[in-house]
């Protein structure tokens, strides 16, 4: 078999980078830099998602409806409010206490701290797996809108990351962070995959995951069952944006690229199969490669991002380190593809970069993220194959039965 000759990470293990190549990872920051510059030059209205939350809070104070496609407040240009009413009531509380301007200052302070955390820890921190030059290419998936739109998901991702770094001290803090984030965005329950693959007793993992799921969906479920017309308005508005307007770069985006209805029952069944298989692949990788707890945490964070069915630009800050861990630990398995794992990841990042710089990011980013998922599925399946073969009925594999006899 001919040996693959793919590009390599400048700072990956086994390579010897020269100073002339040190600037290459910074190319992957171009979509972010150009996106921020375009937002600053072309628009005076930023923080649209914050304005949606703030405007909904003002509507609560005014006792006016806030689930509408044309949400309007004086001096704002908000996006539509698609969270459960508890978020609007929380904003109303702070606006009553601090005024809207004070609420904005508080939100901005927390938001900037979250942005700094999400940039420093995954891309620059020394304790994060991999050299910073190997992690920086994954910044290509972060667009200018992820920073300038003021999306509350940025704060939630940062909170989950900080709690994940403390997981070795107490897993309960991590589960609590996921639960709180899920009250705002239920898709944050995908972060429970970290609990699945971390090195804890199996029963404790199941207990933590069950508690996280139960508490995480409780507010949304209660609202859907008791909210009446308001709940129906919320679900109609949410479905409009999730399935029709911005299905994102994840599973819903992949389904849309091939012309299928992401809101159909078939797509939802396929997603459940995909999510379960990807999570089990992560478990196989963590167990068969005997990853350390820190490596398991980062791999789980990467899996959680890929499990989000509607991945947006503000959801991908934690994507890179876990993928890098998988690629590096799969090296040495004596197949060409395993040896080129880090090069495959860099090639996919390059696809996303090329698309972003040519106006084709809506196609290249979903393709690259789908490629990451395929890589993890293939790697996990490769490691799990011997175990799965042992699960098959013995009479289907006489050779396996003979090999398993004592003394042979």
Protein backbone atom coordinates (compact mmCIF):
# COMPACT_ATOMS: atom_id res chain seq x y z
CA UNK A 1 0.00 0.00 0.00
CA UNK A 2 1.37 3.42 -0.94
CA UNK A 3 2.15 5.61 2.01
CA UNK A 4 -0.05 8.66 2.41
CA UNK A 5 1.72 12.02 2.14
CA UNK A 6 -0.54 14.50 3.89
CA UNK A 7 0.38 17.81 5.52
CA UNK A 8 1.35 17.59 9.19
CA UNK A 9 0.79 19.78 12.18
CA UNK A 10 3.84 22.01 12.57
CA UNK A 11 4.19 21.05 16.23
CA UNK A 12 2.84 17.51 16.27
CA UNK A 13 4.87 14.68 17.72
CA UNK A 14 7.25 13.18 15.25
CA UNK A 15 7.72 16.37 13.24
CA UNK A 16 10.59 18.82 13.45
CA UNK A 17 9.22 22.27 12.72
CA UNK A 18 11.47 25.08 11.61
CA UNK A 19 11.01 28.74 12.45
CA UNK A 20 9.85 29.45 8.90
CA UNK A 21 6.69 27.39 9.50
CA UNK A 22 5.76 28.88 12.88
CA UNK A 23 3.55 31.50 11.27
CA UNK A 24 1.39 28.97 9.40
CA UNK A 25 -1.10 28.22 12.22
CA UNK A 26 -1.95 31.93 12.37
CA UNK A 27 -3.53 31.61 8.92
CA UNK A 28 -6.38 29.77 10.61
CA UNK A 29 -7.22 32.92 12.58
CA UNK A 30 -8.05 34.82 9.38
CA UNK A 31 -11.79 33.96 9.32
CA UNK A 32 -12.13 35.23 12.89
CA UNK A 33 -10.08 38.40 12.32
CA UNK A 34 -11.77 39.26 9.03
CA UNK A 35 -15.18 38.50 10.50
CA UNK A 36 -14.64 40.84 13.45
CA UNK A 37 -13.32 43.57 11.16
CA UNK A 38 -16.35 43.22 8.89
CA UNK A 39 -18.73 43.46 11.85
CA UNK A 40 -17.01 46.60 13.12
CA UNK A 41 -16.90 48.31 9.71
CA UNK A 42 -20.30 47.36 8.33
CA UNK A 43 -22.63 47.36 11.31
CA UNK A 44 -23.30 49.53 14.34
CA UNK A 45 -25.49 46.84 15.90
CA UNK A 46 -23.63 44.16 17.79
CA UNK A 47 -24.57 41.79 20.59
CA UNK A 48 -27.83 40.81 18.91
CA UNK A 49 -28.30 37.76 21.13
CA UNK A 50 -27.76 39.78 24.30
CA UNK A 51 -30.27 42.30 22.99
CA UNK A 52 -32.78 39.49 22.46
CA UNK A 53 -32.44 38.47 26.12
CA UNK A 54 -32.49 42.08 27.36
CA UNK A 55 -35.48 42.98 25.18
CA UNK A 56 -37.40 39.92 26.37
CA UNK A 57 -36.71 41.03 29.95
CA UNK A 58 -38.10 44.47 29.18
CA UNK A 59 -41.18 42.85 27.65
CA UNK A 60 -41.68 40.89 30.86
CA UNK A 61 -41.57 44.12 32.85
CA UNK A 62 -44.06 45.68 30.41
CA UNK A 63 -46.19 42.50 30.46
CA UNK A 64 -45.91 42.36 26.66
CA UNK A 65 -45.39 39.26 24.43
CA UNK A 66 -41.79 38.32 23.62
CA UNK A 67 -42.17 35.23 21.41
CA UNK A 68 -42.38 36.98 18.06
CA UNK A 69 -40.38 37.05 14.85
CA UNK A 70 -40.29 40.85 15.00
CA UNK A 71 -39.05 41.48 18.53
CA UNK A 72 -38.51 45.21 19.01
CA UNK A 73 -37.22 47.43 21.80
CA UNK A 74 -36.14 51.07 21.61
CA UNK A 75 -32.47 51.50 20.75
CA UNK A 76 -31.97 47.79 20.04
CA UNK A 77 -31.89 45.49 17.06
CA UNK A 78 -32.42 42.14 18.78
CA UNK A 79 -32.63 38.72 17.25
CA UNK A 80 -35.68 36.66 18.13
CA UNK A 81 -35.90 35.36 21.69
CA UNK A 82 -35.98 31.54 21.62
CA UNK A 83 -35.25 30.57 25.24
CA UNK A 84 -37.76 29.46 27.84
CA UNK A 85 -39.54 32.25 29.80
CA UNK A 86 -37.37 31.72 32.88
CA UNK A 87 -34.46 33.32 31.00
CA UNK A 88 -36.56 36.40 30.19
CA UNK A 89 -37.69 36.63 33.82
CA UNK A 90 -34.07 36.40 35.00
CA UNK A 91 -33.15 39.27 32.63
CA UNK A 92 -36.12 41.25 33.92
CA UNK A 93 -34.89 40.79 37.49
CA UNK A 94 -31.45 42.22 36.70
CA UNK A 95 -32.92 45.04 34.61
CA UNK A 96 -35.22 46.00 37.46
CA UNK A 97 -32.33 45.88 39.90
CA UNK A 98 -29.60 47.47 37.76
CA UNK A 99 -31.48 49.08 34.82
CA UNK A 100 -30.92 47.80 31.29
CA UNK A 101 -27.63 49.67 31.01
CA UNK A 102 -26.38 48.15 34.23
CA UNK A 103 -27.46 44.70 33.09
CA UNK A 104 -25.51 45.23 29.86
CA UNK A 105 -22.35 46.20 31.77
CA UNK A 106 -22.65 43.10 33.95
CA UNK A 107 -23.29 40.87 30.93
CA UNK A 108 -20.37 42.41 29.02
CA UNK A 109 -18.00 41.84 31.93
CA UNK A 110 -18.96 38.18 32.24
CA UNK A 111 -18.93 37.75 28.45
CA UNK A 112 -15.41 39.13 28.05
CA UNK A 113 -14.16 36.85 30.83
CA UNK A 114 -15.80 33.91 29.07
CA UNK A 115 -14.22 34.81 25.71
CA UNK A 116 -10.80 35.10 27.33
CA UNK A 117 -11.20 31.70 29.00
CA UNK A 118 -12.37 29.99 25.81
CA UNK A 119 -9.44 31.37 23.84
CA UNK A 120 -6.69 30.89 26.39
CA UNK A 121 -7.42 27.41 27.77
CA UNK A 122 -8.09 25.39 24.56
CA UNK A 123 -5.61 27.21 22.32
CA UNK A 124 -2.77 28.62 24.43
CA UNK A 125 -2.62 27.04 27.90
CA UNK A 126 0.40 24.81 28.48
CA UNK A 127 -1.54 22.23 30.49
CA UNK A 128 -3.90 21.58 27.60
CA UNK A 129 -2.85 18.52 25.55
CA UNK A 130 -0.72 19.31 22.53
CA UNK A 131 1.46 22.24 21.56
CA UNK A 132 -0.36 25.50 20.90
CA UNK A 133 0.68 25.34 17.24
CA UNK A 134 -1.17 22.05 16.92
CA UNK A 135 -4.34 23.43 18.50
CA UNK A 136 -4.49 26.81 16.78
CA UNK A 137 -5.76 25.48 13.40
CA UNK A 138 -9.05 24.54 15.08
CA UNK A 139 -9.70 28.28 15.59
CA UNK A 140 -10.71 28.35 11.92
CA UNK A 141 -14.22 27.27 12.95
CA UNK A 142 -14.73 30.38 15.11
CA UNK A 143 -16.26 33.20 13.08
CA UNK A 144 -16.48 36.88 13.90
CA UNK A 145 -20.14 36.52 14.86
CA UNK A 146 -19.18 34.07 17.62
CA UNK A 147 -17.45 36.98 19.35
CA UNK A 148 -19.50 39.98 18.24
CA UNK A 149 -23.01 38.56 18.59
CA UNK A 150 -22.84 38.28 22.37
CA UNK A 151 -24.44 34.85 22.40
CA UNK A 152 -25.17 33.51 25.87
CA UNK A 153 -23.80 30.13 24.74
CA UNK A 154 -20.28 31.60 25.01
CA UNK A 155 -20.80 32.18 28.74
CA UNK A 156 -22.30 28.73 29.18
CA UNK A 157 -19.43 26.98 27.34
CA UNK A 158 -16.90 28.83 29.47
CA UNK A 159 -18.71 27.80 32.66
CA UNK A 160 -18.74 24.16 31.58
CA UNK A 161 -15.04 24.34 30.69
CA UNK A 162 -14.06 25.76 34.09
CA UNK A 163 -16.13 23.07 35.82
CA UNK A 164 -14.52 20.39 33.61
CA UNK A 165 -11.06 21.52 34.71
CA UNK A 166 -12.19 20.91 38.29
CA UNK A 167 -13.72 17.52 37.49
CA UNK A 168 -10.84 15.68 39.12
CA UNK A 169 -11.78 17.42 42.38
CA UNK A 170 -15.53 16.89 42.20
CA UNK A 171 -17.62 15.56 39.28
CA UNK A 172 -20.71 17.04 40.93
CA UNK A 173 -19.59 20.58 40.10
CA UNK A 174 -19.26 19.62 36.46
CA UNK A 175 -22.72 18.05 36.41
CA UNK A 176 -24.15 21.13 38.13
CA UNK A 177 -22.61 23.39 35.46
CA UNK A 178 -24.16 21.24 32.72
CA UNK A 179 -27.55 21.33 34.44
CA UNK A 180 -27.53 25.12 34.74
CA UNK A 181 -26.41 25.52 31.11
CA UNK A 182 -29.14 23.10 29.99
CA UNK A 183 -31.80 25.23 31.64
CA UNK A 184 -30.93 27.85 29.04
CA UNK A 185 -29.92 25.56 26.14
CA UNK A 186 -30.89 21.88 26.56
CA UNK A 187 -28.31 20.84 23.94
CA UNK A 188 -25.65 21.34 26.61
CA UNK A 189 -26.66 17.93 27.92
CA UNK A 190 -24.28 16.53 25.29
CA UNK A 191 -21.47 17.45 27.71
CA UNK A 192 -22.56 14.53 29.88
CA UNK A 193 -20.58 12.35 27.45
CA UNK A 194 -17.54 13.47 29.45
CA UNK A 195 -18.99 11.62 32.46
CA UNK A 196 -19.51 8.56 30.26
CA UNK A 197 -15.84 8.24 29.33
CA UNK A 198 -14.09 9.56 32.44
CA UNK A 199 -12.42 6.98 34.70
CA UNK A 200 -15.08 6.61 37.40
CA UNK A 201 -16.91 3.48 38.60
CA UNK A 202 -19.60 2.50 36.09
CA UNK A 203 -22.51 2.87 38.51
CA UNK A 204 -21.33 6.32 39.54
CA UNK A 205 -21.12 7.37 35.90
CA UNK A 206 -24.68 6.20 35.27
CA UNK A 207 -25.95 7.93 38.41
CA UNK A 208 -24.30 11.24 37.52
CA UNK A 209 -25.60 11.10 33.95
CA UNK A 210 -29.13 10.22 35.03
CA UNK A 211 -29.24 13.06 37.53
CA UNK A 212 -27.80 15.46 34.96
CA UNK A 213 -30.37 14.54 32.31
CA UNK A 214 -33.28 14.60 34.76
CA UNK A 215 -32.47 17.98 36.27
CA UNK A 216 -31.29 19.45 32.97
CA UNK A 217 -34.55 18.91 31.05
CA UNK A 218 -36.88 19.54 33.99
CA UNK A 219 -37.54 23.30 33.38
CA UNK A 220 -38.11 22.84 29.64
CA UNK A 221 -40.28 19.78 30.16
CA UNK A 222 -42.34 21.54 32.82
CA UNK A 223 -42.84 24.54 30.53
CA UNK A 224 -43.87 22.37 27.59
CA UNK A 225 -46.42 20.48 29.69
CA UNK A 226 -47.88 23.45 31.56
CA UNK A 227 -47.16 26.47 29.34
CA UNK A 228 -50.25 26.17 27.13
CA UNK A 229 -50.36 28.67 24.25
CA UNK A 230 -47.11 30.31 25.36
CA UNK A 231 -45.29 26.98 25.09
CA UNK A 232 -46.72 26.40 21.62
CA UNK A 233 -45.58 29.87 20.52
CA UNK A 234 -42.11 29.17 21.88
CA UNK A 235 -41.80 25.79 20.16
CA UNK A 236 -43.03 27.16 16.82
CA UNK A 237 -40.51 30.00 16.95
CA UNK A 238 -37.67 27.72 18.05
CA UNK A 239 -38.44 25.17 15.33
CA UNK A 240 -38.51 27.90 12.70
CA UNK A 241 -34.95 28.98 13.48
CA UNK A 242 -33.48 25.57 14.27
CA UNK A 243 -34.81 23.66 11.29
CA UNK A 244 -35.51 26.31 8.64
CA UNK A 245 -33.41 29.45 9.14
CA UNK A 246 -30.11 28.36 10.74
CA UNK A 247 -29.76 24.57 11.05
CA UNK A 248 -26.08 25.09 11.81
CA UNK A 249 -22.99 23.11 10.88
CA UNK A 250 -23.71 19.89 12.80
CA UNK A 251 -26.09 17.02 12.16
CA UNK A 252 -29.00 19.26 11.13
CA UNK A 253 -26.70 21.04 8.68
CA UNK A 254 -25.44 17.75 7.24
CA UNK A 255 -29.00 16.58 6.68
CA UNK A 256 -29.88 19.88 5.03
CA UNK A 257 -26.91 19.65 2.64
CA UNK A 258 -28.29 16.43 1.16
CA UNK A 259 -31.79 17.87 0.89
CA UNK A 260 -33.52 15.98 3.71
CA UNK A 261 -35.88 17.36 6.34
CA UNK A 262 -34.00 17.64 9.63
CA UNK A 263 -37.32 17.95 11.49
CA UNK A 264 -38.63 14.64 10.21
CA UNK A 265 -38.84 11.48 12.35
CA UNK A 266 -36.33 9.68 10.14
CA UNK A 267 -33.66 12.33 10.72
CA UNK A 268 -34.26 12.25 14.47
CA UNK A 269 -33.89 8.47 14.57
CA UNK A 270 -30.67 8.66 12.56
CA UNK A 271 -29.37 11.34 14.92
CA UNK A 272 -30.00 9.12 17.95
CA UNK A 273 -28.07 6.30 16.27
CA UNK A 274 -25.25 8.68 15.33
CA UNK A 275 -25.07 10.16 18.85
CA UNK A 276 -25.03 6.75 20.54
CA UNK A 277 -22.39 5.40 18.16
CA UNK A 278 -20.15 8.45 18.52
CA UNK A 279 -20.41 8.34 22.31
CA UNK A 280 -19.53 4.63 22.36
CA UNK A 281 -16.62 5.31 20.01
CA UNK A 282 -15.33 7.83 22.52
CA UNK A 283 -15.68 5.25 25.27
CA UNK A 284 -13.73 2.71 23.21
CA UNK A 285 -10.98 5.24 22.54
CA UNK A 286 -10.66 6.20 26.20
CA UNK A 287 -10.60 2.60 27.45
CA UNK A 288 -8.51 0.86 24.77
CA UNK A 289 -5.94 3.67 24.60
CA UNK A 290 -5.86 3.92 28.40
CA UNK A 291 -6.15 7.69 28.33
CA UNK A 292 -5.36 9.72 31.41
CA UNK A 293 -8.21 11.53 33.13
CA UNK A 294 -7.16 14.85 31.62
CA UNK A 295 -7.09 13.30 28.13
CA UNK A 296 -10.50 11.73 28.71
CA UNK A 297 -11.94 15.09 29.74
CA UNK A 298 -10.68 16.84 26.62
CA UNK A 299 -11.80 14.00 24.36
CA UNK A 300 -15.23 14.17 25.98
CA UNK A 301 -15.44 17.92 25.41
CA UNK A 302 -14.67 17.43 21.71
CA UNK A 303 -17.27 14.68 21.47
CA UNK A 304 -19.84 16.91 23.17
CA UNK A 305 -19.33 19.59 20.53
CA UNK A 306 -19.79 17.13 17.67
CA UNK A 307 -22.89 15.70 19.36
CA UNK A 308 -24.66 19.08 19.30
CA UNK A 309 -27.20 18.62 16.47
CA UNK A 310 -27.16 22.32 15.58
CA UNK A 311 -23.53 23.39 15.88
CA UNK A 312 -23.04 27.15 15.60
CA UNK A 313 -19.79 29.10 15.52
CA UNK A 314 -20.00 29.89 19.24
CA UNK A 315 -20.11 26.16 20.05
CA UNK A 316 -16.71 25.09 18.67
CA UNK A 317 -14.17 26.63 21.07
CA UNK A 318 -13.56 23.27 22.78
CA UNK A 319 -13.37 21.16 19.63
CA UNK A 320 -9.63 20.83 19.03
CA UNK A 321 -7.70 19.40 22.01
CA UNK A 322 -9.69 16.17 22.27
CA UNK A 323 -9.35 15.47 18.56
CA UNK A 324 -5.61 16.06 18.86
CA UNK A 325 -5.47 13.59 21.78
CA UNK A 326 -7.22 10.92 19.72
CA UNK A 327 -4.94 11.44 16.72
CA UNK A 328 -1.74 11.34 18.76
CA UNK A 329 -2.70 8.31 20.84
CA UNK A 330 -3.78 6.41 17.74
CA UNK A 331 -0.30 6.80 16.27
CA UNK A 332 1.78 3.66 16.29
CA UNK A 333 -1.10 1.29 15.46
CA UNK A 334 0.85 0.41 12.34
CA UNK A 335 -1.60 1.44 9.63
CA UNK A 336 -1.04 4.38 7.27
CA UNK A 337 -4.22 6.16 8.32
CA UNK A 338 -3.40 5.85 12.00
CA UNK A 339 0.04 7.31 11.41
CA UNK A 340 -1.51 10.23 9.52
CA UNK A 341 -4.24 11.07 12.03
CA UNK A 342 -2.96 14.53 12.89
CA UNK A 343 -2.47 15.24 9.19
CA UNK A 344 -6.07 14.26 8.49
CA UNK A 345 -7.25 16.72 11.12
CA UNK A 346 -5.09 19.49 9.65
CA UNK A 347 -6.40 18.72 6.17
CA UNK A 348 -9.99 19.09 7.42
CA UNK A 349 -9.11 22.38 9.10
CA UNK A 350 -7.60 23.51 5.79
CA UNK A 351 -10.84 22.64 3.99
CA UNK A 352 -12.73 24.86 6.44
CA UNK A 353 -10.18 27.65 5.95
CA UNK A 354 -10.39 27.50 2.17
CA UNK A 355 -14.17 27.63 2.32
CA UNK A 356 -14.23 30.53 4.76
CA UNK A 357 -11.86 32.60 2.60
CA UNK A 358 -13.77 31.91 -0.63
CA UNK A 359 -17.28 32.47 0.68
CA UNK A 360 -18.09 28.76 0.79
CA UNK A 361 -17.94 28.35 4.56
CA UNK A 362 -21.57 27.25 4.68
CA UNK A 363 -20.46 24.11 2.85
CA UNK A 364 -16.86 23.59 3.91
CA UNK A 365 -17.42 23.87 7.68
CA UNK A 366 -20.16 21.18 7.82
CA UNK A 367 -18.00 18.92 5.64
CA UNK A 368 -14.99 19.38 7.93
CA UNK A 369 -17.01 18.74 11.10
CA UNK A 370 -18.54 15.66 9.49
CA UNK A 371 -15.01 14.51 8.69
CA UNK A 372 -14.01 14.86 12.36
CA UNK A 373 -17.00 12.73 13.34
CA UNK A 374 -16.10 10.08 10.78
CA UNK A 375 -12.53 10.02 12.04
CA UNK A 376 -13.63 9.41 15.63
CA UNK A 377 -16.22 6.83 14.57
CA UNK A 378 -13.66 4.98 12.48
CA UNK A 379 -11.01 5.12 15.21
CA UNK A 380 -13.40 3.97 17.93
CA UNK A 381 -14.77 1.22 15.71
CA UNK A 382 -11.26 -0.01 14.93
CA UNK A 383 -10.42 -0.29 18.62
CA UNK A 384 -13.77 -1.81 19.55
CA UNK A 385 -13.78 -4.39 16.73
CA UNK A 386 -12.05 -7.22 18.69
CA UNK A 387 -14.51 -6.80 21.57
CA UNK A 388 -17.52 -6.70 19.23
CA UNK A 389 -16.37 -9.85 17.45
CA UNK A 390 -16.28 -11.69 20.79
CA UNK A 391 -19.91 -10.72 21.35
CA UNK A 392 -21.10 -12.52 18.20
CA UNK A 393 -22.57 -16.00 18.62
CA UNK A 394 -19.79 -18.57 18.68
CA UNK A 395 -21.50 -20.79 16.11
CA UNK A 396 -21.14 -17.97 13.55
CA UNK A 397 -17.36 -18.03 13.97
CA UNK A 398 -15.99 -21.56 14.45
CA UNK A 399 -12.43 -20.25 14.16
CA UNK A 400 -13.03 -17.86 17.04
CA UNK A 401 -14.49 -20.70 19.11
CA UNK A 402 -11.43 -22.85 18.49
CA UNK A 403 -9.06 -20.02 19.36
CA UNK A 404 -10.85 -19.47 22.67
CA UNK A 405 -10.47 -23.09 23.87
CA UNK A 406 -8.11 -23.55 26.85
CA UNK A 407 -4.60 -24.62 25.98
CA UNK A 408 -4.73 -23.41 22.38
